[in-house]
PDB file of N, CA and C in Angstrom:
ATOM      1  N   UNK A   1      -6.388  -0.751  32.920  1.00  0.00           N
ATOM      2  CA  UNK A   1      -7.155  -0.714  31.637  1.00  0.00           C
ATOM      3  C   UNK A   1      -6.383   0.340  30.635  1.00  0.00           C
ATOM      4  N   UNK A   2      -5.573   1.324  31.128  1.00  0.00           N
ATOM      5  CA  UNK A   2      -5.053   2.263  30.388  1.00  0.00           C
ATOM      6  C   UNK A   2      -3.703   1.617  29.706  1.00  0.00           C
ATOM      7  N   UNK A   3      -2.984   0.712  30.468  1.00  0.00           N
ATOM      8  CA  UNK A   3      -1.972  -0.025  29.856  1.00  0.00           C
ATOM      9  C   UNK A   3      -2.446  -1.000  28.793  1.00  0.00           C
ATOM     10  N   UNK A   4      -3.535  -1.615  28.792  1.00  0.00           N
ATOM     11  CA  UNK A   4      -4.253  -2.381  27.731  1.00  0.00           C
ATOM     12  C   UNK A   4      -4.365  -1.587  26.578  1.00  0.00           C
ATOM     13  N   UNK A   5      -4.948  -0.417  26.856  1.00  0.00           N
ATOM     14  CA  UNK A   5      -5.247   0.644  25.681  1.00  0.00           C
ATOM     15  C   UNK A   5      -3.901   1.021  24.907  1.00  0.00           C
ATOM     16  N   UNK A   6      -2.866   1.305  25.673  1.00  0.00           N
ATOM     17  CA  UNK A   6      -1.696   1.485  25.176  1.00  0.00           C
ATOM     18  C   UNK A   6      -1.185   0.479  24.242  1.00  0.00           C
ATOM     19  N   UNK A   7      -1.120  -0.749  24.868  1.00  0.00           N
ATOM     20  CA  UNK A   7      -0.616  -1.957  24.198  1.00  0.00           C
ATOM     21  C   UNK A   7      -1.371  -2.070  22.904  1.00  0.00           C
ATOM     22  N   UNK A   8      -2.677  -2.086  22.992  1.00  0.00           N
ATOM     23  CA  UNK A   8      -3.528  -2.305  21.783  1.00  0.00           C
ATOM     24  C   UNK A   8      -3.272  -1.215  20.683  1.00  0.00           C
ATOM     25  N   UNK A   9      -3.020   0.020  21.098  1.00  0.00           N
ATOM     26  CA  UNK A   9      -2.539   1.176  20.227  1.00  0.00           C
ATOM     27  C   UNK A   9      -1.318   0.677  19.479  1.00  0.00           C
ATOM     28  N   UNK A  10      -0.230   0.382  20.274  1.00  0.00           N
ATOM     29  CA  UNK A  10       1.048  -0.112  19.651  1.00  0.00           C
ATOM     30  C   UNK A  10       0.837  -1.165  18.745  1.00  0.00           C
ATOM     31  N   UNK A  11       0.166  -2.254  19.135  1.00  0.00           N
ATOM     32  CA  UNK A  11       0.139  -3.349  18.259  1.00  0.00           C
ATOM     33  C   UNK A  11      -0.695  -3.004  17.016  1.00  0.00           C
ATOM     34  N   UNK A  12      -1.698  -2.143  17.054  1.00  0.00           N
ATOM     35  CA  UNK A  12      -2.564  -1.634  15.779  1.00  0.00           C
ATOM     36  C   UNK A  12      -1.507  -0.907  14.954  1.00  0.00           C
ATOM     37  N   UNK A  13      -0.574  -0.031  15.505  1.00  0.00           N
ATOM     38  CA  UNK A  13       0.321   0.735  14.777  1.00  0.00           C
ATOM     39  C   UNK A  13       1.277  -0.119  13.996  1.00  0.00           C
ATOM     40  N   UNK A  14       1.795  -1.119  14.709  1.00  0.00           N
ATOM     41  CA  UNK A  14       2.573  -2.115  14.158  1.00  0.00           C
ATOM     42  C   UNK A  14       1.802  -2.887  12.835  1.00  0.00           C
ATOM     43  N   UNK A  15       0.666  -3.351  13.043  1.00  0.00           N
ATOM     44  CA  UNK A  15      -0.112  -3.895  12.159  1.00  0.00           C
ATOM     45  C   UNK A  15      -0.428  -2.920  11.114  1.00  0.00           C
ATOM     46  N   UNK A  16      -0.737  -1.819  11.247  1.00  0.00           N
ATOM     47  CA  UNK A  16      -0.878  -0.792  10.061  1.00  0.00           C
ATOM     48  C   UNK A  16       0.376  -0.514   9.200  1.00  0.00           C
ATOM     49  N   UNK A  17       1.352  -0.396   9.998  1.00  0.00           N
ATOM     50  CA  UNK A  17       2.569  -0.147   9.264  1.00  0.00           C
ATOM     51  C   UNK A  17       2.990  -1.558   8.440  1.00  0.00           C
ATOM     52  N   UNK A  18       2.865  -2.775   8.943  1.00  0.00           N
ATOM     53  CA  UNK A  18       3.038  -3.891   8.350  1.00  0.00           C
ATOM     54  C   UNK A  18       2.185  -4.122   6.971  1.00  0.00           C
ATOM     55  N   UNK A  19       0.876  -3.697   7.232  1.00  0.00           N
ATOM     56  CA  UNK A  19       0.022  -3.910   5.952  1.00  0.00           C
ATOM     57  C   UNK A  19       0.368  -2.882   4.941  1.00  0.00           C
ATOM     58  N   UNK A  20       0.643  -1.572   5.425  1.00  0.00           N
ATOM     59  CA  UNK A  20       1.112  -0.492   4.570  1.00  0.00           C
ATOM     60  C   UNK A  20       2.464  -0.975   3.743  1.00  0.00           C
ATOM     61  N   UNK A  21       3.362  -1.401   4.337  1.00  0.00           N
ATOM     62  CA  UNK A  21       4.501  -1.953   3.676  1.00  0.00           C
ATOM     63  C   UNK A  21       4.329  -3.058   2.744  1.00  0.00           C
ATOM     64  N   UNK A  22       3.518  -4.024   3.193  1.00  0.00           N
ATOM     65  CA  UNK A  22       3.128  -5.220   2.448  1.00  0.00           C
ATOM     66  C   UNK A  22       2.458  -4.793   1.040  1.00  0.00           C
ATOM     67  N   UNK A  23       1.489  -3.767   1.247  1.00  0.00           N
ATOM     68  CA  UNK A  23       0.688  -3.393   0.185  1.00  0.00           C
ATOM     69  C   UNK A  23       1.443  -2.622  -0.878  1.00  0.00           C
ATOM     70  N   UNK A  24       2.427  -1.702  -0.381  1.00  0.00           N
ATOM     71  CA  UNK A  24       3.285  -0.938  -1.322  1.00  0.00           C
ATOM     72  C   UNK A  24       4.405  -1.482  -1.712  1.00  0.00           C
ATOM     73  N   UNK A  25       5.049  -2.230  -0.965  1.00  0.00           N
ATOM     74  CA  UNK A  25       6.442  -2.681  -1.510  1.00  0.00           C
ATOM     75  C   UNK A  25       6.651  -4.252  -1.311  1.00  0.00           C
ATOM     76  N   UNK A  26       5.543  -4.912  -0.926  1.00  0.00           N
ATOM     77  CA  UNK A  26       5.540  -6.511  -0.803  1.00  0.00           C
ATOM     78  C   UNK A  26       6.546  -6.862   0.137  1.00  0.00           C
ATOM     79  N   UNK A  27       6.520  -6.075   1.262  1.00  0.00           N
ATOM     80  CA  UNK A  27       7.574  -6.320   2.414  1.00  0.00           C
ATOM     81  C   UNK A  27       6.698  -6.588   3.688  1.00  0.00           C
ATOM     82  N   UNK A  28       6.802  -7.893   4.191  1.00  0.00           N
ATOM     83  CA  UNK A  28       6.314  -8.188   5.491  1.00  0.00           C
ATOM     84  C   UNK A  28       7.192  -7.712   6.743  1.00  0.00           C
ATOM     85  N   UNK A  29       7.116  -6.770   7.285  1.00  0.00           N
ATOM     86  CA  UNK A  29       8.000  -6.240   8.364  1.00  0.00           C
ATOM     87  C   UNK A  29       7.904  -7.193   9.549  1.00  0.00           C
ATOM     88  N   UNK A  30       6.968  -7.831   9.961  1.00  0.00           N
ATOM     89  CA  UNK A  30       6.898  -8.652  11.180  1.00  0.00           C
ATOM     90  C   UNK A  30       7.761  -9.683  10.684  1.00  0.00           C
ATOM     91  N   UNK A  31       7.515 -10.335   9.620  1.00  0.00           N
ATOM     92  CA  UNK A  31       8.334 -11.560   9.198  1.00  0.00           C
ATOM     93  C   UNK A  31       9.794 -11.315   8.779  1.00  0.00           C
ATOM     94  N   UNK A  32      10.147 -10.067   8.488  1.00  0.00           N
ATOM     95  CA  UNK A  32      11.508  -9.516   8.059  1.00  0.00           C
ATOM     96  C   UNK A  32      12.305  -9.500   9.567  1.00  0.00           C
ATOM     97  N   UNK A  33      11.505  -8.979  10.509  1.00  0.00           N
ATOM     98  CA  UNK A  33      12.209  -8.748  11.965  1.00  0.00           C
ATOM     99  C   UNK A  33      12.309 -10.059  12.547  1.00  0.00           C
ATOM    100  N   UNK A  34      11.266 -10.902  12.808  1.00  0.00           N
ATOM    101  CA  UNK A  34      11.114 -12.036  13.547  1.00  0.00           C
ATOM    102  C   UNK A  34      11.383 -13.381  12.827  1.00  0.00           C
ATOM    103  N   UNK A  35      11.429 -13.276  11.557  1.00  0.00           N
ATOM    104  CA  UNK A  35      11.497 -14.536  10.784  1.00  0.00           C
ATOM    105  C   UNK A  35      10.321 -14.950  10.244  1.00  0.00           C
ATOM    106  N   UNK A  36      10.133 -15.292   8.811  1.00  0.00           N
ATOM    107  CA  UNK A  36       9.083 -15.753   8.302  1.00  0.00           C
ATOM    108  C   UNK A  36       8.557 -17.176   8.770  1.00  0.00           C
ATOM    109  N   UNK A  37       7.303 -17.382   9.025  1.00  0.00           N
ATOM    110  CA  UNK A  37       6.723 -18.410   9.571  1.00  0.00           C
ATOM    111  C   UNK A  37       7.326 -19.000  11.027  1.00  0.00           C
ATOM    112  N   UNK A  38       7.932 -18.039  11.646  1.00  0.00           N
ATOM    113  CA  UNK A  38       8.424 -18.353  12.897  1.00  0.00           C
ATOM    114  C   UNK A  38       7.369 -18.289  14.041  1.00  0.00           C
ATOM    115  N   UNK A  39       7.407 -18.904  15.059  1.00  0.00           N
ATOM    116  CA  UNK A  39       6.315 -18.927  16.092  1.00  0.00           C
ATOM    117  C   UNK A  39       6.160 -17.522  16.631  1.00  0.00           C
ATOM    118  N   UNK A  40       7.161 -16.679  16.930  1.00  0.00           N
ATOM    119  CA  UNK A  40       7.177 -15.569  17.405  1.00  0.00           C
ATOM    120  C   UNK A  40       6.452 -14.495  16.467  1.00  0.00           C
ATOM    121  N   UNK A  41       6.599 -14.561  15.166  1.00  0.00           N
ATOM    122  CA  UNK A  41       5.760 -13.711  14.240  1.00  0.00           C
ATOM    123  C   UNK A  41       4.335 -14.038  14.115  1.00  0.00           C
ATOM    124  N   UNK A  42       4.134 -15.383  14.289  1.00  0.00           N
ATOM    125  CA  UNK A  42       2.688 -15.842  14.420  1.00  0.00           C
ATOM    126  C   UNK A  42       2.087 -15.171  15.684  1.00  0.00           C
ATOM    127  N   UNK A  43       2.735 -15.264  16.758  1.00  0.00           N
ATOM    128  CA  UNK A  43       2.111 -14.712  17.967  1.00  0.00           C
ATOM    129  C   UNK A  43       1.948 -13.138  17.747  1.00  0.00           C
ATOM    130  N   UNK A  44       2.771 -12.393  17.097  1.00  0.00           N
ATOM    131  CA  UNK A  44       2.521 -10.921  16.978  1.00  0.00           C
ATOM    132  C   UNK A  44       1.205 -10.906  15.898  1.00  0.00           C
ATOM    133  N   UNK A  45       1.110 -11.689  14.954  1.00  0.00           N
ATOM    134  CA  UNK A  45      -0.001 -11.527  14.173  1.00  0.00           C
ATOM    135  C   UNK A  45      -1.384 -11.730  15.006  1.00  0.00           C
ATOM    136  N   UNK A  46      -1.354 -12.733  15.781  1.00  0.00           N
ATOM    137  CA  UNK A  46      -2.414 -13.087  16.540  1.00  0.00           C
ATOM    138  C   UNK A  46      -2.730 -11.957  17.549  1.00  0.00           C
ATOM    139  N   UNK A  47      -1.725 -11.373  18.169  1.00  0.00           N
ATOM    140  CA  UNK A  47      -1.886 -10.205  19.030  1.00  0.00           C
ATOM    141  C   UNK A  47      -2.419  -9.137  18.432  1.00  0.00           C
ATOM    142  N   UNK A  48      -1.860  -8.817  17.212  1.00  0.00           N
ATOM    143  CA  UNK A  48      -2.465  -7.522  16.372  1.00  0.00           C
ATOM    144  C   UNK A  48      -4.029  -7.739  16.158  1.00  0.00           C
ATOM    145  N   UNK A  49      -4.333  -8.951  15.854  1.00  0.00           N
ATOM    146  CA  UNK A  49      -5.871  -9.301  15.582  1.00  0.00           C
ATOM    147  C   UNK A  49      -6.529  -9.105  16.718  1.00  0.00           C
ATOM    148  N   UNK A  50      -6.082  -9.555  18.020  1.00  0.00           N
ATOM    149  CA  UNK A  50      -6.870  -9.343  19.273  1.00  0.00           C
ATOM    150  C   UNK A  50      -6.909  -7.953  19.707  1.00  0.00           C
ATOM    151  N   UNK A  51      -5.865  -7.067  19.311  1.00  0.00           N
ATOM    152  CA  UNK A  51      -5.729  -5.759  19.641  1.00  0.00           C
ATOM    153  C   UNK A  51      -7.000  -5.143  18.619  1.00  0.00           C
ATOM    154  N   UNK A  52      -6.986  -5.513  17.566  1.00  0.00           N
ATOM    155  CA  UNK A  52      -8.281  -5.036  16.701  1.00  0.00           C
ATOM    156  C   UNK A  52      -9.570  -5.335  17.332  1.00  0.00           C
ATOM    157  N   UNK A  53      -9.748  -6.403  17.740  1.00  0.00           N
ATOM    158  CA  UNK A  53     -11.104  -6.772  18.192  1.00  0.00           C
ATOM    159  C   UNK A  53     -11.329  -5.900  19.604  1.00  0.00           C
ATOM    160  N   UNK A  54     -10.252  -6.044  20.458  1.00  0.00           N
ATOM    161  CA  UNK A  54     -10.361  -5.243  21.651  1.00  0.00           C
ATOM    162  C   UNK A  54     -10.519  -3.610  21.481  1.00  0.00           C
ATOM    163  N   UNK A  55     -10.089  -3.137  20.297  1.00  0.00           N
ATOM    164  CA  UNK A  55     -10.282  -1.680  20.042  1.00  0.00           C
ATOM    165  C   UNK A  55     -11.878  -1.527  19.449  1.00  0.00           C
ATOM    166  N   UNK A  56     -12.062  -2.540  18.612  1.00  0.00           N
ATOM    167  CA  UNK A  56     -13.499  -2.428  18.024  1.00  0.00           C
ATOM    168  C   UNK A  56     -14.682  -2.501  19.154  1.00  0.00           C
ATOM    169  N   UNK A  57     -14.366  -3.268  20.284  1.00  0.00           N
ATOM    170  CA  UNK A  57     -15.339  -3.358  21.239  1.00  0.00           C
ATOM    171  C   UNK A  57     -15.343  -2.115  22.056  1.00  0.00           C
ATOM    172  N   UNK A  58     -13.922  -1.724  22.394  1.00  0.00           N
ATOM    173  CA  UNK A  58     -13.802  -0.297  23.147  1.00  0.00           C
ATOM    174  C   UNK A  58     -14.549   0.761  22.445  1.00  0.00           C
ATOM    175  N   UNK A  59     -14.332   0.906  21.117  1.00  0.00           N
ATOM    176  CA  UNK A  59     -14.967   1.866  20.332  1.00  0.00           C
ATOM    177  C   UNK A  59     -16.509   1.776  20.288  1.00  0.00           C
ATOM    178  N   UNK A  60     -17.045   0.713  20.408  1.00  0.00           N
ATOM    179  CA  UNK A  60     -18.539   0.414  20.464  1.00  0.00           C
ATOM    180  C   UNK A  60     -19.039   0.881  21.686  1.00  0.00           C
ATOM    181  N   UNK A  61     -18.325   0.617  22.796  1.00  0.00           N
ATOM    182  CA  UNK A  61     -18.621   1.169  24.099  1.00  0.00           C
ATOM    183  C   UNK A  61     -18.606   2.576  24.248  1.00  0.00           C
ATOM    184  N   UNK A  62     -17.465   3.239  23.869  1.00  0.00           N
ATOM    185  CA  UNK A  62     -17.330   4.736  23.877  1.00  0.00           C
ATOM    186  C   UNK A  62     -18.349   5.269  22.997  1.00  0.00           C
ATOM    187  N   UNK A  63     -18.623   4.753  21.840  1.00  0.00           N
ATOM    188  CA  UNK A  63     -19.892   5.440  21.040  1.00  0.00           C
ATOM    189  C   UNK A  63     -21.066   5.408  21.654  1.00  0.00           C
ATOM    190  N   UNK A  64     -21.365   4.389  22.370  1.00  0.00           N
ATOM    191  CA  UNK A  64     -22.681   4.343  23.178  1.00  0.00           C
ATOM    192  C   UNK A  64     -22.671   5.387  24.230  1.00  0.00           C
ATOM    193  N   UNK A  65     -21.419   5.775  24.825  1.00  0.00           N
ATOM    194  CA  UNK A  65     -21.576   6.696  25.955  1.00  0.00           C
ATOM    195  C   UNK A  65     -21.636   8.146  25.169  1.00  0.00           C
ATOM    196  N   UNK A  66     -21.240   8.217  24.186  1.00  0.00           N
ATOM    197  CA  UNK A  66     -21.005   9.632  23.640  1.00  0.00           C
ATOM    198  C   UNK A  66     -22.509  10.115  22.924  1.00  0.00           C
ATOM    199  N   UNK A  67     -23.077   9.067  22.203  1.00  0.00           N
ATOM    200  CA  UNK A  67     -24.052   9.451  21.458  1.00  0.00           C
ATOM    201  C   UNK A  67     -25.418   9.219  22.337  1.00  0.00           C
ATOM    202  N   UNK A  68     -26.481   9.940  22.021  1.00  0.00           N
ATOM    203  CA  UNK A  68     -27.916   9.525  22.596  1.00  0.00           C
ATOM    204  C   UNK A  68     -28.312   7.992  22.195  1.00  0.00           C
ATOM    205  N   UNK A  69     -28.976   7.702  22.877  1.00  0.00           N
ATOM    206  CA  UNK A  69     -29.554   6.066  22.703  1.00  0.00           C
ATOM    207  C   UNK A  69     -30.186   5.985  21.365  1.00  0.00           C
ATOM    208  N   UNK A  70     -30.870   6.950  20.867  1.00  0.00           N
ATOM    209  CA  UNK A  70     -31.491   6.775  19.459  1.00  0.00           C
ATOM    210  C   UNK A  70     -30.517   6.626  18.455  1.00  0.00           C
ATOM    211  N   UNK A  71     -29.319   7.540  18.473  1.00  0.00           N
ATOM    212  CA  UNK A  71     -28.478   7.423  17.334  1.00  0.00           C
ATOM    213  C   UNK A  71     -27.208   6.345  17.670  1.00  0.00           C
ATOM    214  N   UNK A  72     -27.040   5.866  18.860  1.00  0.00           N
ATOM    215  CA  UNK A  72     -25.990   5.012  19.065  1.00  0.00           C
ATOM    216  C   UNK A  72     -26.335   3.617  18.545  1.00  0.00           C
ATOM    217  N   UNK A  73     -27.692   3.352  18.373  1.00  0.00           N
ATOM    218  CA  UNK A  73     -28.134   2.025  17.885  1.00  0.00           C
ATOM    219  C   UNK A  73     -28.017   2.092  16.397  1.00  0.00           C
ATOM    220  N   UNK A  74     -27.719   3.252  15.631  1.00  0.00           N
ATOM    221  CA  UNK A  74     -27.871   3.127  14.318  1.00  0.00           C
ATOM    222  C   UNK A  74     -29.157   3.615  13.609  1.00  0.00           C
ATOM    223  N   UNK A  75     -30.087   3.986  14.265  1.00  0.00           N
ATOM    224  CA  UNK A  75     -31.359   4.323  13.996  1.00  0.00           C
ATOM    225  C   UNK A  75     -31.635   5.930  13.790  1.00  0.00           C
TER     226      UNK A  75
END
């Protein structure tokens, strides 16, 4: 599980840097390195999205362990 957490963190860093560069400089780092519209860059985009979903689920599970039941549900 720890290896998956590390991989998800790396992918989220790559995704965050890519969005930051694209938003500020209109430069797509992933496309610049792997080729625009290449199959490999598309795979990276999908993996970054899956890492975000994984992290969101993990965060929700951690939150429910840290907070009492009454606050974990948002009430």
